[in-house]
């Protein structure tokens, strides 16, 4: 009984916080992997990174990344490291294309985040402008949105990793481009993200941030990055409920 009561208090406090966010928000920027779907479940992202590492090793390039402390277990960090060493090269373009193909394959079976689809459709129906701002490929995001018939809720505002990575665009630049092209006012905008880089981008852009963490480990990463516990949620349901109550 005690555990249940504690859980109720946590949910209630988040609902109150989310009601305020909904009341002030006219522009919503979603991260992709996490807030909208689960692109690489389990350790599949690490498996992609291993394949990428083998590909780089065959070309005599992976050892240099390890020596510089830039070896990564995630394919995105690896791509970033290679792009900084070889900006604008065919190598980077090929590595990015390989990663995009892995993403596109994963998008076919990606699990939708609970409540994400109705949340997106409801927010669109009440007149908010929505965008996706992510480090994933635009092709991947568009493929997934098309499969869920969500593309009209976002088009044309889908912003992600560019194929040539030249110049390399960090996540803050992607978010700032989304805000500019939407004509968004930062104080009326909300970023829903699942990573510390999402939070950093929102902070830099002066945009409020709601962290989505599907498990305690991901919540801990957000807390360690400075995201207050009251702005991290394990479910999008309170956000959907607050939106429906308001309208």
C-alpha atoms as a PDB file:
ATOM      1  CA  UNK A   1       0.000   0.000   0.000  1.00  0.00           C
ATOM      2  CA  UNK A   2       2.830   2.339   0.843  1.00  0.00           C
ATOM      3  CA  UNK A   3       4.552   1.702  -2.484  1.00  0.00           C
ATOM      4  CA  UNK A   4       1.309   2.346  -4.342  1.00  0.00           C
ATOM      5  CA  UNK A   5       0.748   5.616  -2.473  1.00  0.00           C
ATOM      6  CA  UNK A   6       4.260   6.778  -3.295  1.00  0.00           C
ATOM      7  CA  UNK A   7       3.769   5.948  -6.922  1.00  0.00           C
ATOM      8  CA  UNK A   8       0.517   7.953  -7.007  1.00  0.00           C
ATOM      9  CA  UNK A   9       2.271  11.003  -5.591  1.00  0.00           C
ATOM     10  CA  UNK A  10       4.940  10.862  -8.291  1.00  0.00           C
ATOM     11  CA  UNK A  11       2.347  10.606 -11.081  1.00  0.00           C
ATOM     12  CA  UNK A  12       0.256  13.435  -9.615  1.00  0.00           C
ATOM     13  CA  UNK A  13       3.182  15.836  -9.405  1.00  0.00           C
ATOM     14  CA  UNK A  14       4.103  15.100 -13.003  1.00  0.00           C
ATOM     15  CA  UNK A  15       0.537  15.676 -14.198  1.00  0.00           C
ATOM     16  CA  UNK A  16       0.511  19.097 -12.517  1.00  0.00           C
ATOM     17  CA  UNK A  17       3.799  19.977 -14.168  1.00  0.00           C
ATOM     18  CA  UNK A  18       2.610  18.741 -17.557  1.00  0.00           C
ATOM     19  CA  UNK A  19      -0.615  20.764 -17.345  1.00  0.00           C
ATOM     20  CA  UNK A  20       1.478  23.919 -17.095  1.00  0.00           C
ATOM     21  CA  UNK A  21       3.620  22.821 -20.041  1.00  0.00           C
ATOM     22  CA  UNK A  22       0.544  22.150 -22.184  1.00  0.00           C
ATOM     23  CA  UNK A  23      -0.972  25.523 -21.330  1.00  0.00           C
ATOM     24  CA  UNK A  24       2.160  27.361 -22.493  1.00  0.00           C
ATOM     25  CA  UNK A  25       3.109  25.273 -25.518  1.00  0.00           C
ATOM     26  CA  UNK A  26       2.342  26.101 -29.139  1.00  0.00           C
ATOM     27  CA  UNK A  27       5.390  24.488 -30.762  1.00  0.00           C
ATOM     28  CA  UNK A  28       6.456  20.932 -29.922  1.00  0.00           C
ATOM     29  CA  UNK A  29       9.788  19.450 -30.956  1.00  0.00           C
ATOM     30  CA  UNK A  30      10.105  15.687 -30.557  1.00  0.00           C
ATOM     31  CA  UNK A  31      13.243  13.648 -30.384  1.00  0.00           C
ATOM     32  CA  UNK A  32      12.807  10.482 -32.446  1.00  0.00           C
ATOM     33  CA  UNK A  33      14.378   7.403 -30.865  1.00  0.00           C
ATOM     34  CA  UNK A  34      12.672   7.301 -27.474  1.00  0.00           C
ATOM     35  CA  UNK A  35       9.849   9.842 -27.476  1.00  0.00           C
ATOM     36  CA  UNK A  36       8.299   8.583 -30.740  1.00  0.00           C
ATOM     37  CA  UNK A  37       9.526   5.006 -31.046  1.00  0.00           C
ATOM     38  CA  UNK A  38      12.124   2.538 -29.878  1.00  0.00           C
ATOM     39  CA  UNK A  39      14.387   2.268 -32.898  1.00  0.00           C
ATOM     40  CA  UNK A  40      17.146   0.017 -31.548  1.00  0.00           C
ATOM     41  CA  UNK A  41      15.763  -2.189 -28.749  1.00  0.00           C
ATOM     42  CA  UNK A  42      18.016  -3.979 -26.279  1.00  0.00           C
ATOM     43  CA  UNK A  43      21.646  -3.957 -27.351  1.00  0.00           C
ATOM     44  CA  UNK A  44      21.008  -3.730 -31.091  1.00  0.00           C
ATOM     45  CA  UNK A  45      22.654  -0.292 -31.341  1.00  0.00           C
ATOM     46  CA  UNK A  46      25.828  -1.814 -29.901  1.00  0.00           C
ATOM     47  CA  UNK A  47      25.603  -4.565 -32.518  1.00  0.00           C
ATOM     48  CA  UNK A  48      25.478  -1.901 -35.246  1.00  0.00           C
ATOM     49  CA  UNK A  49      28.497  -0.204 -33.685  1.00  0.00           C
ATOM     50  CA  UNK A  50      30.431  -3.480 -33.765  1.00  0.00           C
ATOM     51  CA  UNK A  51      29.704  -3.913 -37.468  1.00  0.00           C
ATOM     52  CA  UNK A  52      30.793  -0.329 -38.110  1.00  0.00           C
ATOM     53  CA  UNK A  53      33.977  -0.903 -36.080  1.00  0.00           C
ATOM     54  CA  UNK A  54      34.803  -3.991 -38.143  1.00  0.00           C
ATOM     55  CA  UNK A  55      34.284  -2.000 -41.336  1.00  0.00           C
ATOM     56  CA  UNK A  56      36.613   0.745 -40.098  1.00  0.00           C
ATOM     57  CA  UNK A  57      39.171  -1.806 -38.873  1.00  0.00           C
ATOM     58  CA  UNK A  58      39.351  -3.310 -42.369  1.00  0.00           C
ATOM     59  CA  UNK A  59      40.343   0.149 -43.586  1.00  0.00           C
ATOM     60  CA  UNK A  60      42.908   0.686 -40.838  1.00  0.00           C
ATOM     61  CA  UNK A  61      40.943   3.508 -39.223  1.00  0.00           C
ATOM     62  CA  UNK A  62      39.416   2.171 -36.025  1.00  0.00           C
ATOM     63  CA  UNK A  63      42.687   1.868 -34.061  1.00  0.00           C
ATOM     64  CA  UNK A  64      43.266   5.629 -34.383  1.00  0.00           C
ATOM     65  CA  UNK A  65      39.882   6.319 -32.812  1.00  0.00           C
ATOM     66  CA  UNK A  66      40.705   4.032 -29.891  1.00  0.00           C
ATOM     67  CA  UNK A  67      44.086   5.708 -29.370  1.00  0.00           C
ATOM     68  CA  UNK A  68      42.396   9.105 -29.190  1.00  0.00           C
ATOM     69  CA  UNK A  69      39.836   7.819 -26.725  1.00  0.00           C
ATOM     70  CA  UNK A  70      37.136   8.090 -29.365  1.00  0.00           C
ATOM     71  CA  UNK A  71      36.158   4.465 -29.701  1.00  0.00           C
ATOM     72  CA  UNK A  72      32.430   4.129 -29.082  1.00  0.00           C
ATOM     73  CA  UNK A  73      29.910   1.427 -28.387  1.00  0.00           C
ATOM     74  CA  UNK A  74      27.244   3.473 -30.120  1.00  0.00           C
ATOM     75  CA  UNK A  75      27.276   4.030 -33.897  1.00  0.00           C
ATOM     76  CA  UNK A  76      26.396   7.731 -33.622  1.00  0.00           C
ATOM     77  CA  UNK A  77      29.415   8.605 -31.498  1.00  0.00           C
ATOM     78  CA  UNK A  78      31.569   6.599 -33.889  1.00  0.00           C
ATOM     79  CA  UNK A  79      30.218   8.449 -36.921  1.00  0.00           C
ATOM     80  CA  UNK A  80      30.807  11.797 -35.204  1.00  0.00           C
ATOM     81  CA  UNK A  81      34.402  10.874 -34.366  1.00  0.00           C
ATOM     82  CA  UNK A  82      35.165   9.755 -37.921  1.00  0.00           C
ATOM     83  CA  UNK A  83      33.521  12.857 -39.393  1.00  0.00           C
ATOM     84  CA  UNK A  84      35.716  15.104 -37.259  1.00  0.00           C
ATOM     85  CA  UNK A  85      38.853  13.296 -38.398  1.00  0.00           C
ATOM     86  CA  UNK A  86      37.862  13.157 -42.070  1.00  0.00           C
ATOM     87  CA  UNK A  87      35.424  16.026 -42.710  1.00  0.00           C
ATOM     88  CA  UNK A  88      33.627  15.988 -46.043  1.00  0.00           C
ATOM     89  CA  UNK A  89      35.257  12.743 -47.161  1.00  0.00           C
ATOM     90  CA  UNK A  90      33.749   9.874 -49.147  1.00  0.00           C
ATOM     91  CA  UNK A  91      34.589   7.688 -46.149  1.00  0.00           C
ATOM     92  CA  UNK A  92      32.255   9.683 -43.923  1.00  0.00           C
ATOM     93  CA  UNK A  93      29.511   9.695 -46.534  1.00  0.00           C
ATOM     94  CA  UNK A  94      29.764   5.910 -46.901  1.00  0.00           C
ATOM     95  CA  UNK A  95      29.779   5.337 -43.132  1.00  0.00           C
ATOM     96  CA  UNK A  96      26.738   7.587 -42.778  1.00  0.00           C
ATOM     97  CA  UNK A  97      24.930   5.723 -45.557  1.00  0.00           C
ATOM     98  CA  UNK A  98      25.704   2.399 -43.872  1.00  0.00           C
ATOM     99  CA  UNK A  99      24.257   3.718 -40.616  1.00  0.00           C
ATOM    100  CA  UNK A 100      21.170   5.017 -42.431  1.00  0.00           C
ATOM    101  CA  UNK A 101      20.587   1.570 -43.958  1.00  0.00           C
ATOM    102  CA  UNK A 102      20.749   0.016 -40.483  1.00  0.00           C
ATOM    103  CA  UNK A 103      18.269   2.637 -39.248  1.00  0.00           C
ATOM    104  CA  UNK A 104      15.883   2.060 -42.144  1.00  0.00           C
ATOM    105  CA  UNK A 105      15.893  -1.675 -41.457  1.00  0.00           C
ATOM    106  CA  UNK A 106      15.258  -1.044 -37.757  1.00  0.00           C
ATOM    107  CA  UNK A 107      12.450   1.415 -38.536  1.00  0.00           C
ATOM    108  CA  UNK A 108      10.411  -1.349 -40.194  1.00  0.00           C
ATOM    109  CA  UNK A 109       9.984  -3.110 -36.864  1.00  0.00           C
ATOM    110  CA  UNK A 110      10.400  -0.178 -34.461  1.00  0.00           C
ATOM    111  CA  UNK A 111       8.028  -0.306 -31.505  1.00  0.00           C
ATOM    112  CA  UNK A 112       5.914   2.858 -31.121  1.00  0.00           C
ATOM    113  CA  UNK A 113       6.355   4.565 -27.781  1.00  0.00           C
ATOM    114  CA  UNK A 114       3.201   4.101 -25.725  1.00  0.00           C
ATOM    115  CA  UNK A 115       0.761   7.017 -26.192  1.00  0.00           C
ATOM    116  CA  UNK A 116       3.041   8.745 -28.726  1.00  0.00           C
ATOM    117  CA  UNK A 117       0.729   8.317 -31.738  1.00  0.00           C
ATOM    118  CA  UNK A 118      -2.435   9.704 -30.069  1.00  0.00           C
ATOM    119  CA  UNK A 119      -0.414  12.458 -28.408  1.00  0.00           C
ATOM    120  CA  UNK A 120       0.987  13.571 -31.750  1.00  0.00           C
ATOM    121  CA  UNK A 121      -2.413  13.473 -33.450  1.00  0.00           C
ATOM    122  CA  UNK A 122      -4.178  15.255 -30.589  1.00  0.00           C
ATOM    123  CA  UNK A 123      -1.627  18.053 -30.368  1.00  0.00           C
ATOM    124  CA  UNK A 124      -1.869  18.545 -34.129  1.00  0.00           C
ATOM    125  CA  UNK A 125      -5.676  18.595 -33.981  1.00  0.00           C
ATOM    126  CA  UNK A 126      -5.709  21.439 -31.453  1.00  0.00           C
ATOM    127  CA  UNK A 127      -3.468  23.608 -33.627  1.00  0.00           C
ATOM    128  CA  UNK A 128       0.072  23.155 -32.302  1.00  0.00           C
ATOM    129  CA  UNK A 129       2.977  23.049 -34.736  1.00  0.00           C
ATOM    130  CA  UNK A 130       5.076  19.893 -34.464  1.00  0.00           C
ATOM    131  CA  UNK A 131       8.598  19.026 -35.584  1.00  0.00           C
ATOM    132  CA  UNK A 132      11.072  16.194 -35.213  1.00  0.00           C
ATOM    133  CA  UNK A 133      14.627  17.233 -34.297  1.00  0.00           C
ATOM    134  CA  UNK A 134      17.022  14.303 -34.114  1.00  0.00           C
ATOM    135  CA  UNK A 135      20.463  12.922 -34.896  1.00  0.00           C
ATOM    136  CA  UNK A 136      18.825  10.133 -36.892  1.00  0.00           C
ATOM    137  CA  UNK A 137      18.563  10.280 -40.668  1.00  0.00           C
ATOM    138  CA  UNK A 138      15.659  12.243 -42.105  1.00  0.00           C
ATOM    139  CA  UNK A 139      15.020   9.264 -44.398  1.00  0.00           C
ATOM    140  CA  UNK A 140      14.648   7.007 -41.377  1.00  0.00           C
ATOM    141  CA  UNK A 141      12.281   9.354 -39.564  1.00  0.00           C
ATOM    142  CA  UNK A 142      10.159   9.877 -42.675  1.00  0.00           C
ATOM    143  CA  UNK A 143       9.991   6.140 -43.316  1.00  0.00           C
ATOM    144  CA  UNK A 144       8.735   5.484 -39.795  1.00  0.00           C
ATOM    145  CA  UNK A 145       6.245   8.375 -39.810  1.00  0.00           C
ATOM    146  CA  UNK A 146       4.870   7.217 -43.155  1.00  0.00           C
ATOM    147  CA  UNK A 147       4.319   3.717 -41.769  1.00  0.00           C
ATOM    148  CA  UNK A 148       2.304   5.158 -38.859  1.00  0.00           C
ATOM    149  CA  UNK A 149       0.495   7.722 -41.063  1.00  0.00           C
ATOM    150  CA  UNK A 150       1.947  10.491 -38.914  1.00  0.00           C
ATOM    151  CA  UNK A 151       3.806  12.405 -41.622  1.00  0.00           C
ATOM    152  CA  UNK A 152       1.046  15.049 -42.070  1.00  0.00           C
ATOM    153  CA  UNK A 153       1.380  15.916 -38.380  1.00  0.00           C
ATOM    154  CA  UNK A 154       4.999  17.007 -38.903  1.00  0.00           C
ATOM    155  CA  UNK A 155       5.586  17.795 -42.578  1.00  0.00           C
ATOM    156  CA  UNK A 156       7.624  19.623 -43.640  1.00  0.00           C
ATOM    157  CA  UNK A 157       9.313  19.976 -40.248  1.00  0.00           C
ATOM    158  CA  UNK A 158      11.480  16.882 -39.971  1.00  0.00           C
ATOM    159  CA  UNK A 159      15.094  17.748 -39.153  1.00  0.00           C
ATOM    160  CA  UNK A 160      17.880  15.247 -38.761  1.00  0.00           C
ATOM    161  CA  UNK A 161      21.345  14.108 -39.753  1.00  0.00           C
ATOM    162  CA  UNK A 162      22.405  15.263 -43.198  1.00  0.00           C
ATOM    163  CA  UNK A 163      24.028  12.659 -45.484  1.00  0.00           C
ATOM    164  CA  UNK A 164      27.318  14.463 -46.183  1.00  0.00           C
ATOM    165  CA  UNK A 165      27.889  15.694 -42.584  1.00  0.00           C
ATOM    166  CA  UNK A 166      29.853  18.586 -44.059  1.00  0.00           C
ATOM    167  CA  UNK A 167      29.982  20.682 -42.068  1.00  0.00           C
ATOM    168  CA  UNK A 168      29.124  18.328 -39.238  1.00  0.00           C
ATOM    169  CA  UNK A 169      25.929  19.482 -37.562  1.00  0.00           C
ATOM    170  CA  UNK A 170      25.737  18.956 -33.823  1.00  0.00           C
ATOM    171  CA  UNK A 171      22.311  18.390 -32.291  1.00  0.00           C
ATOM    172  CA  UNK A 172      21.889  22.035 -31.123  1.00  0.00           C
ATOM    173  CA  UNK A 173      22.173  23.251 -34.706  1.00  0.00           C
ATOM    174  CA  UNK A 174      19.453  20.830 -35.792  1.00  0.00           C
ATOM    175  CA  UNK A 175      17.118  22.087 -33.072  1.00  0.00           C
ATOM    176  CA  UNK A 176      17.858  25.725 -33.809  1.00  0.00           C
ATOM    177  CA  UNK A 177      17.166  25.191 -37.518  1.00  0.00           C
ATOM    178  CA  UNK A 178      13.846  23.566 -36.641  1.00  0.00           C
ATOM    179  CA  UNK A 179      12.841  26.514 -34.462  1.00  0.00           C
ATOM    180  CA  UNK A 180      13.817  29.045 -37.123  1.00  0.00           C
ATOM    181  CA  UNK A 181      11.985  27.318 -39.970  1.00  0.00           C
ATOM    182  CA  UNK A 182       8.864  26.766 -37.858  1.00  0.00           C
ATOM    183  CA  UNK A 183       8.835  30.430 -36.886  1.00  0.00           C
ATOM    184  CA  UNK A 184       8.703  29.215 -33.305  1.00  0.00           C
ATOM    185  CA  UNK A 185       8.908  31.430 -30.245  1.00  0.00           C
ATOM    186  CA  UNK A 186      11.269  29.718 -27.759  1.00  0.00           C
ATOM    187  CA  UNK A 187       9.175  30.606 -24.700  1.00  0.00           C
ATOM    188  CA  UNK A 188       6.124  28.953 -26.320  1.00  0.00           C
ATOM    189  CA  UNK A 189       8.086  25.853 -27.368  1.00  0.00           C
ATOM    190  CA  UNK A 190       8.725  22.491 -25.750  1.00  0.00           C
ATOM    191  CA  UNK A 191      11.331  19.849 -26.539  1.00  0.00           C
ATOM    192  CA  UNK A 192      10.409  16.262 -25.641  1.00  0.00           C
ATOM    193  CA  UNK A 193      13.656  14.317 -25.656  1.00  0.00           C
ATOM    194  CA  UNK A 194      15.229  11.219 -24.237  1.00  0.00           C
ATOM    195  CA  UNK A 195      18.950  11.998 -24.089  1.00  0.00           C
ATOM    196  CA  UNK A 196      21.320  14.444 -22.387  1.00  0.00           C
ATOM    197  CA  UNK A 197      22.137  15.892 -25.828  1.00  0.00           C
ATOM    198  CA  UNK A 198      18.427  16.666 -26.334  1.00  0.00           C
ATOM    199  CA  UNK A 199      18.421  18.512 -23.022  1.00  0.00           C
ATOM    200  CA  UNK A 200      21.625  20.409 -23.853  1.00  0.00           C
ATOM    201  CA  UNK A 201      20.199  21.476 -27.223  1.00  0.00           C
ATOM    202  CA  UNK A 202      16.965  22.690 -25.644  1.00  0.00           C
ATOM    203  CA  UNK A 203      18.853  24.593 -22.946  1.00  0.00           C
ATOM    204  CA  UNK A 204      21.058  26.282 -25.533  1.00  0.00           C
ATOM    205  CA  UNK A 205      18.011  27.271 -27.592  1.00  0.00           C
ATOM    206  CA  UNK A 206      16.114  28.604 -24.564  1.00  0.00           C
ATOM    207  CA  UNK A 207      13.378  25.982 -24.963  1.00  0.00           C
ATOM    208  CA  UNK A 208      11.642  24.169 -22.098  1.00  0.00           C
ATOM    209  CA  UNK A 209      12.484  20.475 -21.878  1.00  0.00           C
ATOM    210  CA  UNK A 210      10.509  17.397 -20.884  1.00  0.00           C
ATOM    211  CA  UNK A 211      12.607  14.277 -20.547  1.00  0.00           C
ATOM    212  CA  UNK A 212      11.222  10.905 -21.576  1.00  0.00           C
ATOM    213  CA  UNK A 213      12.914   7.953 -19.858  1.00  0.00           C
ATOM    214  CA  UNK A 214      11.445   4.504 -20.361  1.00  0.00           C
ATOM    215  CA  UNK A 215      13.536   2.991 -17.544  1.00  0.00           C
ATOM    216  CA  UNK A 216      15.459   4.097 -14.410  1.00  0.00           C
ATOM    217  CA  UNK A 217      18.832   3.857 -16.157  1.00  0.00           C
ATOM    218  CA  UNK A 218      17.814   6.399 -18.780  1.00  0.00           C
ATOM    219  CA  UNK A 219      16.229   8.596 -16.134  1.00  0.00           C
ATOM    220  CA  UNK A 220      19.494   8.532 -14.211  1.00  0.00           C
ATOM    221  CA  UNK A 221      21.409   9.713 -17.292  1.00  0.00           C
ATOM    222  CA  UNK A 222      19.041  12.663 -17.636  1.00  0.00           C
ATOM    223  CA  UNK A 223      19.280  13.525 -13.931  1.00  0.00           C
ATOM    224  CA  UNK A 224      23.086  13.409 -14.101  1.00  0.00           C
ATOM    225  CA  UNK A 225      22.919  15.816 -17.057  1.00  0.00           C
ATOM    226  CA  UNK A 226      21.029  18.310 -14.902  1.00  0.00           C
ATOM    227  CA  UNK A 227      17.418  17.537 -15.806  1.00  0.00           C
ATOM    228  CA  UNK A 228      15.227  18.036 -12.686  1.00  0.00           C
ATOM    229  CA  UNK A 229      13.302  14.900 -11.610  1.00  0.00           C
ATOM    230  CA  UNK A 230       9.970  16.728 -11.904  1.00  0.00           C
ATOM    231  CA  UNK A 231      10.563  17.226 -15.632  1.00  0.00           C
ATOM    232  CA  UNK A 232      11.336  13.585 -16.422  1.00  0.00           C
ATOM    233  CA  UNK A 233       8.528  11.120 -17.089  1.00  0.00           C
ATOM    234  CA  UNK A 234       8.444   7.390 -17.765  1.00  0.00           C
ATOM    235  CA  UNK A 235       5.211   7.697 -19.761  1.00  0.00           C
ATOM    236  CA  UNK A 236       3.620  10.121 -22.197  1.00  0.00           C
ATOM    237  CA  UNK A 237       0.154   9.314 -20.843  1.00  0.00           C
ATOM    238  CA  UNK A 238       0.082  12.228 -18.333  1.00  0.00           C
ATOM    239  CA  UNK A 239       0.941  14.589 -21.183  1.00  0.00           C
ATOM    240  CA  UNK A 240      -1.895  13.223 -23.342  1.00  0.00           C
ATOM    241  CA  UNK A 241      -4.353  13.385 -20.433  1.00  0.00           C
ATOM    242  CA  UNK A 242      -3.440  16.995 -19.657  1.00  0.00           C
ATOM    243  CA  UNK A 243      -3.847  17.921 -23.306  1.00  0.00           C
ATOM    244  CA  UNK A 244      -7.282  16.295 -23.538  1.00  0.00           C
ATOM    245  CA  UNK A 245      -8.413  17.959 -20.325  1.00  0.00           C
ATOM    246  CA  UNK A 246      -7.417  21.373 -21.608  1.00  0.00           C
ATOM    247  CA  UNK A 247      -9.203  21.013 -24.915  1.00  0.00           C
END
